[in-house]
Amino acid sequence: MRAPRYGVGVRNRLDAIYLLRSKKYSCPRCKKQSIKRVSSGIWKCKRCGLEIADNAYSLTVKSLR
């Protein structure tokens, strides 16, 4: 999302959010890098099928409670 408008700081923060949103996270159940974002706040492991509700743009769950 590179547009000629707005400041460089805003564009850098937006790029950082897009990177967090699209990267894979490790699953607390099967310990593989297979959790991806399904929608805002919904995360799903493609390997074991675990669904987690957490932050909108990054996953912070370290272990199952």
N, C-alpha and C. Protein backbone atom coordinates (compact mmCIF):
# COMPACT_ATOMS: atom_id res chain seq x y z
N MET A 1 0.85 -1.18 0.00
CA MET A 1 0.00 0.00 0.00
C MET A 1 0.89 1.23 0.00
N ARG A 2 1.47 1.50 -1.10
CA ARG A 2 2.31 2.68 -1.23
C ARG A 2 1.56 3.73 -2.03
N ALA A 3 1.30 4.84 -1.40
CA ALA A 3 0.62 5.95 -2.05
C ALA A 3 1.47 7.20 -1.85
N PRO A 4 1.40 8.16 -2.76
CA PRO A 4 2.22 9.35 -2.63
C PRO A 4 1.78 10.30 -1.52
N ARG A 5 0.63 10.06 -0.93
CA ARG A 5 0.13 10.95 0.11
C ARG A 5 0.53 10.48 1.49
N TYR A 6 0.39 11.35 2.45
CA TYR A 6 0.65 11.09 3.87
C TYR A 6 2.15 10.94 4.15
N GLY A 7 2.52 10.93 5.41
CA GLY A 7 3.92 10.93 5.79
C GLY A 7 4.55 9.56 5.75
N VAL A 8 5.88 9.57 5.79
CA VAL A 8 6.62 8.31 5.72
C VAL A 8 6.42 7.50 7.00
N GLY A 9 6.23 8.15 8.14
CA GLY A 9 6.01 7.43 9.40
C GLY A 9 4.72 6.62 9.37
N VAL A 10 3.67 7.19 8.83
CA VAL A 10 2.39 6.49 8.72
C VAL A 10 2.52 5.30 7.77
N ARG A 11 3.21 5.50 6.67
CA ARG A 11 3.39 4.40 5.71
C ARG A 11 4.22 3.27 6.32
N ASN A 12 5.24 3.60 7.09
CA ASN A 12 6.06 2.56 7.72
C ASN A 12 5.27 1.77 8.76
N ARG A 13 4.43 2.45 9.55
CA ARG A 13 3.60 1.74 10.53
C ARG A 13 2.60 0.83 9.83
N LEU A 14 2.03 1.30 8.73
CA LEU A 14 1.08 0.49 7.97
C LEU A 14 1.76 -0.75 7.38
N ASP A 15 2.98 -0.59 6.87
CA ASP A 15 3.74 -1.73 6.34
C ASP A 15 4.03 -2.75 7.44
N ALA A 16 4.36 -2.26 8.65
CA ALA A 16 4.65 -3.16 9.77
C ALA A 16 3.40 -3.95 10.15
N ILE A 17 2.24 -3.32 10.12
CA ILE A 17 0.98 -4.02 10.42
C ILE A 17 0.70 -5.07 9.37
N TYR A 18 0.91 -4.75 8.10
CA TYR A 18 0.68 -5.73 7.04
C TYR A 18 1.60 -6.94 7.18
N LEU A 19 2.85 -6.71 7.59
CA LEU A 19 3.77 -7.84 7.78
C LEU A 19 3.33 -8.72 8.94
N LEU A 20 2.93 -8.11 10.07
CA LEU A 20 2.45 -8.89 11.21
C LEU A 20 1.21 -9.70 10.86
N ARG A 21 0.34 -9.10 10.09
CA ARG A 21 -0.93 -9.72 9.74
C ARG A 21 -0.75 -10.93 8.82
N SER A 22 0.25 -10.89 7.97
CA SER A 22 0.36 -11.94 6.96
C SER A 22 1.38 -13.03 7.30
N LYS A 23 2.15 -12.87 8.38
CA LYS A 23 3.15 -13.90 8.67
C LYS A 23 2.51 -15.09 9.38
N LYS A 24 3.21 -16.22 9.37
CA LYS A 24 2.73 -17.43 10.04
C LYS A 24 3.25 -17.44 11.47
N TYR A 25 2.42 -17.94 12.38
CA TYR A 25 2.77 -18.03 13.79
C TYR A 25 2.79 -19.50 14.20
N SER A 26 3.47 -19.79 15.31
CA SER A 26 3.54 -21.18 15.76
C SER A 26 2.29 -21.53 16.57
N CYS A 27 1.80 -22.71 16.36
CA CYS A 27 0.59 -23.20 17.03
C CYS A 27 0.94 -23.66 18.44
N PRO A 28 0.15 -23.24 19.45
CA PRO A 28 0.44 -23.70 20.81
C PRO A 28 0.10 -25.17 21.03
N ARG A 29 -0.71 -25.76 20.19
CA ARG A 29 -1.07 -27.17 20.35
C ARG A 29 -0.09 -28.10 19.65
N CYS A 30 0.15 -27.88 18.35
CA CYS A 30 1.00 -28.81 17.59
C CYS A 30 2.42 -28.28 17.39
N LYS A 31 2.72 -27.07 17.84
CA LYS A 31 4.06 -26.48 17.82
C LYS A 31 4.66 -26.29 16.42
N LYS A 32 3.83 -26.19 15.40
CA LYS A 32 4.31 -25.95 14.04
C LYS A 32 3.98 -24.52 13.62
N GLN A 33 4.73 -24.00 12.65
CA GLN A 33 4.48 -22.66 12.13
C GLN A 33 3.34 -22.74 11.11
N SER A 34 2.11 -22.83 11.59
CA SER A 34 1.01 -23.05 10.66
C SER A 34 -0.23 -22.24 10.98
N ILE A 35 -0.16 -21.29 11.90
CA ILE A 35 -1.33 -20.47 12.20
C ILE A 35 -1.33 -19.25 11.30
N LYS A 36 -2.45 -19.03 10.62
CA LYS A 36 -2.63 -17.87 9.76
C LYS A 36 -3.90 -17.14 10.16
N ARG A 37 -3.98 -15.88 9.80
CA ARG A 37 -5.13 -15.04 10.11
C ARG A 37 -6.26 -15.35 9.14
N VAL A 38 -7.45 -15.64 9.69
CA VAL A 38 -8.62 -15.92 8.88
C VAL A 38 -9.38 -14.62 8.63
N SER A 39 -9.64 -13.88 9.69
CA SER A 39 -10.26 -12.57 9.61
C SER A 39 -9.79 -11.77 10.82
N SER A 40 -10.36 -10.61 11.02
CA SER A 40 -9.92 -9.74 12.09
C SER A 40 -10.11 -10.40 13.45
N GLY A 41 -9.01 -10.79 14.09
CA GLY A 41 -9.05 -11.40 15.41
C GLY A 41 -9.25 -12.90 15.43
N ILE A 42 -9.40 -13.54 14.29
CA ILE A 42 -9.61 -14.98 14.21
C ILE A 42 -8.38 -15.60 13.55
N TRP A 43 -7.77 -16.57 14.25
CA TRP A 43 -6.56 -17.24 13.79
C TRP A 43 -6.81 -18.74 13.74
N LYS A 44 -6.32 -19.42 12.70
CA LYS A 44 -6.57 -20.84 12.54
C LYS A 44 -5.31 -21.57 12.13
N CYS A 45 -5.09 -22.73 12.78
CA CYS A 45 -3.97 -23.59 12.43
C CYS A 45 -4.39 -24.48 11.27
N LYS A 46 -3.62 -24.46 10.21
CA LYS A 46 -3.95 -25.27 9.05
C LYS A 46 -3.61 -26.74 9.26
N ARG A 47 -2.76 -27.04 10.23
CA ARG A 47 -2.35 -28.42 10.46
C ARG A 47 -3.30 -29.17 11.38
N CYS A 48 -3.60 -28.60 12.56
CA CYS A 48 -4.43 -29.33 13.52
C CYS A 48 -5.86 -28.78 13.64
N GLY A 49 -6.15 -27.64 13.01
CA GLY A 49 -7.51 -27.12 12.99
C GLY A 49 -7.88 -26.26 14.19
N LEU A 50 -6.93 -25.93 15.04
CA LEU A 50 -7.19 -25.10 16.21
C LEU A 50 -7.57 -23.69 15.78
N GLU A 51 -8.65 -23.14 16.34
CA GLU A 51 -9.06 -21.76 16.08
C GLU A 51 -8.92 -20.95 17.35
N ILE A 52 -8.30 -19.78 17.24
CA ILE A 52 -8.03 -18.92 18.38
C ILE A 52 -8.56 -17.53 18.07
N ALA A 53 -9.15 -16.89 19.06
CA ALA A 53 -9.52 -15.48 18.97
C ALA A 53 -8.49 -14.69 19.76
N ASP A 54 -7.84 -13.74 19.09
CA ASP A 54 -6.79 -12.95 19.74
C ASP A 54 -6.78 -11.57 19.11
N ASN A 55 -5.65 -10.90 19.12
CA ASN A 55 -5.54 -9.55 18.56
C ASN A 55 -5.90 -9.54 17.09
N ALA A 56 -6.22 -8.37 16.58
CA ALA A 56 -6.65 -8.24 15.19
C ALA A 56 -5.50 -8.43 14.21
N TYR A 57 -4.29 -7.97 14.54
CA TYR A 57 -3.21 -7.98 13.58
C TYR A 57 -2.03 -8.87 13.94
N SER A 58 -1.92 -9.32 15.17
CA SER A 58 -0.83 -10.22 15.54
C SER A 58 -1.31 -11.21 16.58
N LEU A 59 -0.67 -12.35 16.62
CA LEU A 59 -1.04 -13.39 17.56
C LEU A 59 -0.12 -13.33 18.76
N THR A 60 -0.69 -13.31 19.98
CA THR A 60 0.12 -13.19 21.18
C THR A 60 -0.04 -14.39 22.10
N VAL A 61 -0.86 -15.37 21.76
CA VAL A 61 -1.08 -16.54 22.62
C VAL A 61 0.19 -17.38 22.61
N LYS A 62 0.73 -17.65 23.79
CA LYS A 62 1.95 -18.45 23.90
C LYS A 62 1.66 -19.90 24.20
N SER A 63 0.61 -20.18 24.99
CA SER A 63 0.26 -21.56 25.31
C SER A 63 -1.24 -21.65 25.50
N LEU A 64 -1.75 -22.84 25.42
CA LEU A 64 -3.18 -23.04 25.66
C LEU A 64 -3.47 -22.95 27.14
N ARG A 65 -4.58 -22.36 27.46
CA ARG A 65 -4.95 -22.21 28.87
C ARG A 65 -5.91 -23.28 29.27
